[in-house]
Amino acid sequence: MQAEQLKLLVIDALEDIKAEDIQVLDVKEMTDVTDIMIIATGKSSRQVKALANEVVMQAKAAGVQPLGVEGETVGEWALVDLGDVITHIMTPQTRLTYNLEKLWTVPAQSEQASAERE
């Protein structure tokens, strides 16, 4: 399955279980680990677990075996690695603490700012 199709599958799975603030980051220019990073919020650790499980179930139903799943037992932050798409699902406080969007967008913004100065 191509990255774009996988991205849509993950978004659908997250929306099915009512994830909040779903963000899609194109990180292929920043890392060789993945092309797309999806970040979403679950209202509680229970919802985080359910969201991660839904992503895994829908991926498997589409014939995609996750490369790894981390944190789904605790529920503060779950990561589902589908290769070209990595999904981070966090409680609101955990998401605020780690602020992955800023971490993965700063270099792109810095490059843009540098280009604008030249």
Protein backbone atom coordinates (compact mmCIF):
# COMPACT_ATOMS: atom_id res chain seq x y z
CA MET A 1 0.00 0.00 0.00
CA GLN A 2 1.35 3.43 -0.93
CA ALA A 3 2.01 6.09 1.70
CA GLU A 4 -0.92 8.27 0.59
CA GLN A 5 -3.39 5.37 0.84
CA LEU A 6 -1.95 4.39 4.21
CA LYS A 7 -2.30 7.98 5.43
CA LEU A 8 -5.99 8.01 4.49
CA LEU A 9 -6.52 4.64 6.17
CA VAL A 10 -5.00 5.93 9.42
CA ILE A 11 -7.01 9.16 9.32
CA ASP A 12 -10.23 7.19 8.78
CA ALA A 13 -9.38 4.87 11.68
CA LEU A 14 -8.68 7.82 13.96
CA GLU A 15 -11.86 9.61 12.94
CA ASP A 16 -13.90 6.44 13.55
CA ILE A 17 -12.97 6.53 17.25
CA LYS A 18 -13.28 10.35 17.47
CA ALA A 19 -9.63 11.37 17.72
CA GLU A 20 -9.12 15.09 18.16
CA ASP A 21 -6.75 17.52 16.45
CA ILE A 22 -5.40 15.12 13.80
CA GLN A 23 -2.27 16.60 12.25
CA VAL A 24 -0.47 15.19 9.20
CA LEU A 25 3.20 16.07 8.79
CA ASP A 26 5.21 15.35 5.66
CA VAL A 27 8.64 14.48 7.09
CA LYS A 28 10.24 12.67 4.15
CA GLU A 29 12.76 15.50 3.66
CA MET A 30 13.68 15.41 7.35
CA THR A 31 14.19 11.71 8.06
CA ASP A 32 14.69 8.37 6.36
CA VAL A 33 12.59 6.62 9.01
CA THR A 34 9.18 7.51 7.55
CA ASP A 35 7.48 9.75 5.00
CA ILE A 36 4.40 10.81 6.93
CA MET A 37 3.83 11.39 10.61
CA ILE A 38 0.29 11.60 11.94
CA ILE A 39 -0.34 13.03 15.39
CA ALA A 40 -3.69 12.82 17.15
CA THR A 41 -5.16 13.35 20.60
CA GLY A 42 -7.32 10.99 22.62
CA LYS A 43 -9.30 12.49 25.50
CA SER A 44 -8.15 9.80 27.94
CA SER A 45 -5.67 6.95 28.19
CA ARG A 46 -8.56 4.59 27.45
CA GLN A 47 -9.33 6.42 24.20
CA VAL A 48 -5.63 6.51 23.26
CA LYS A 49 -5.56 2.72 23.58
CA ALA A 50 -8.75 2.37 21.54
CA LEU A 51 -7.42 4.67 18.82
CA ALA A 52 -4.16 2.74 18.54
CA ASN A 53 -6.05 -0.53 18.41
CA GLU A 54 -8.34 0.79 15.67
CA VAL A 55 -5.37 1.91 13.55
CA VAL A 56 -3.78 -1.54 13.95
CA MET A 57 -7.04 -3.37 13.17
CA GLN A 58 -7.80 -1.33 10.06
CA ALA A 59 -4.22 -1.65 8.82
CA LYS A 60 -4.31 -5.42 9.25
CA ALA A 61 -7.71 -5.59 7.52
CA ALA A 62 -6.12 -3.79 4.57
CA GLY A 63 -3.25 -6.27 4.51
CA VAL A 64 -0.67 -4.04 6.21
CA GLN A 65 1.17 -5.58 9.14
CA PRO A 66 2.37 -2.92 11.61
CA LEU A 67 6.14 -2.88 12.07
CA GLY A 68 5.66 -2.01 15.71
CA VAL A 69 3.23 -0.76 18.30
CA GLU A 70 4.44 0.94 21.48
CA GLY A 71 2.75 2.37 24.55
CA GLU A 72 -0.72 1.02 23.93
CA THR A 73 -0.78 -0.72 27.30
CA VAL A 74 -0.19 2.48 29.31
CA GLY A 75 -2.20 4.78 27.10
CA GLU A 76 -0.52 8.13 27.62
CA TRP A 77 1.26 7.93 24.26
CA ALA A 78 0.83 5.18 21.70
CA LEU A 79 2.89 4.84 18.56
CA VAL A 80 1.85 2.73 15.58
CA ASP A 81 4.61 2.21 13.01
CA LEU A 82 3.29 1.29 9.59
CA GLY A 83 6.55 2.00 7.78
CA ASP A 84 5.79 4.94 5.49
CA VAL A 85 3.34 6.29 8.08
CA ILE A 86 4.00 6.57 11.80
CA THR A 87 1.09 7.51 14.03
CA HIS A 88 1.45 9.13 17.45
CA ILE A 89 -1.65 9.16 19.64
CA MET A 90 -1.42 11.03 22.94
CA THR A 91 -3.46 12.33 25.81
CA PRO A 92 -3.83 16.14 25.76
CA GLN A 93 -1.21 16.71 28.49
CA THR A 94 1.33 14.39 26.89
CA ARG A 95 0.85 16.05 23.52
CA LEU A 96 1.30 19.47 25.07
CA THR A 97 4.45 18.34 26.89
CA TYR A 98 6.23 16.83 23.88
CA ASN A 99 4.86 19.16 21.18
CA LEU A 100 5.92 16.92 18.28
CA GLU A 101 4.47 19.28 15.69
CA LYS A 102 7.00 21.92 16.66
CA LEU A 103 9.82 19.39 16.79
CA TRP A 104 9.10 18.14 13.26
CA THR A 105 8.31 21.49 11.65
CA VAL A 106 11.07 23.74 13.03
CA PRO A 107 13.73 22.74 10.46
CA ALA A 108 11.36 23.34 7.55
CA GLN A 109 10.38 26.73 8.96
CA SER A 110 14.03 27.60 9.59
CA GLU A 111 14.93 26.75 6.00
CA GLN A 112 12.04 28.88 4.76
CA ALA A 113 13.11 31.79 6.98
CA SER A 114 16.69 31.47 5.75
CA ALA A 115 15.53 31.47 2.14
CA GLU A 116 13.42 34.57 2.75
CA ARG A 117 16.43 36.43 4.22
CA GLU A 118 18.60 35.71 1.17
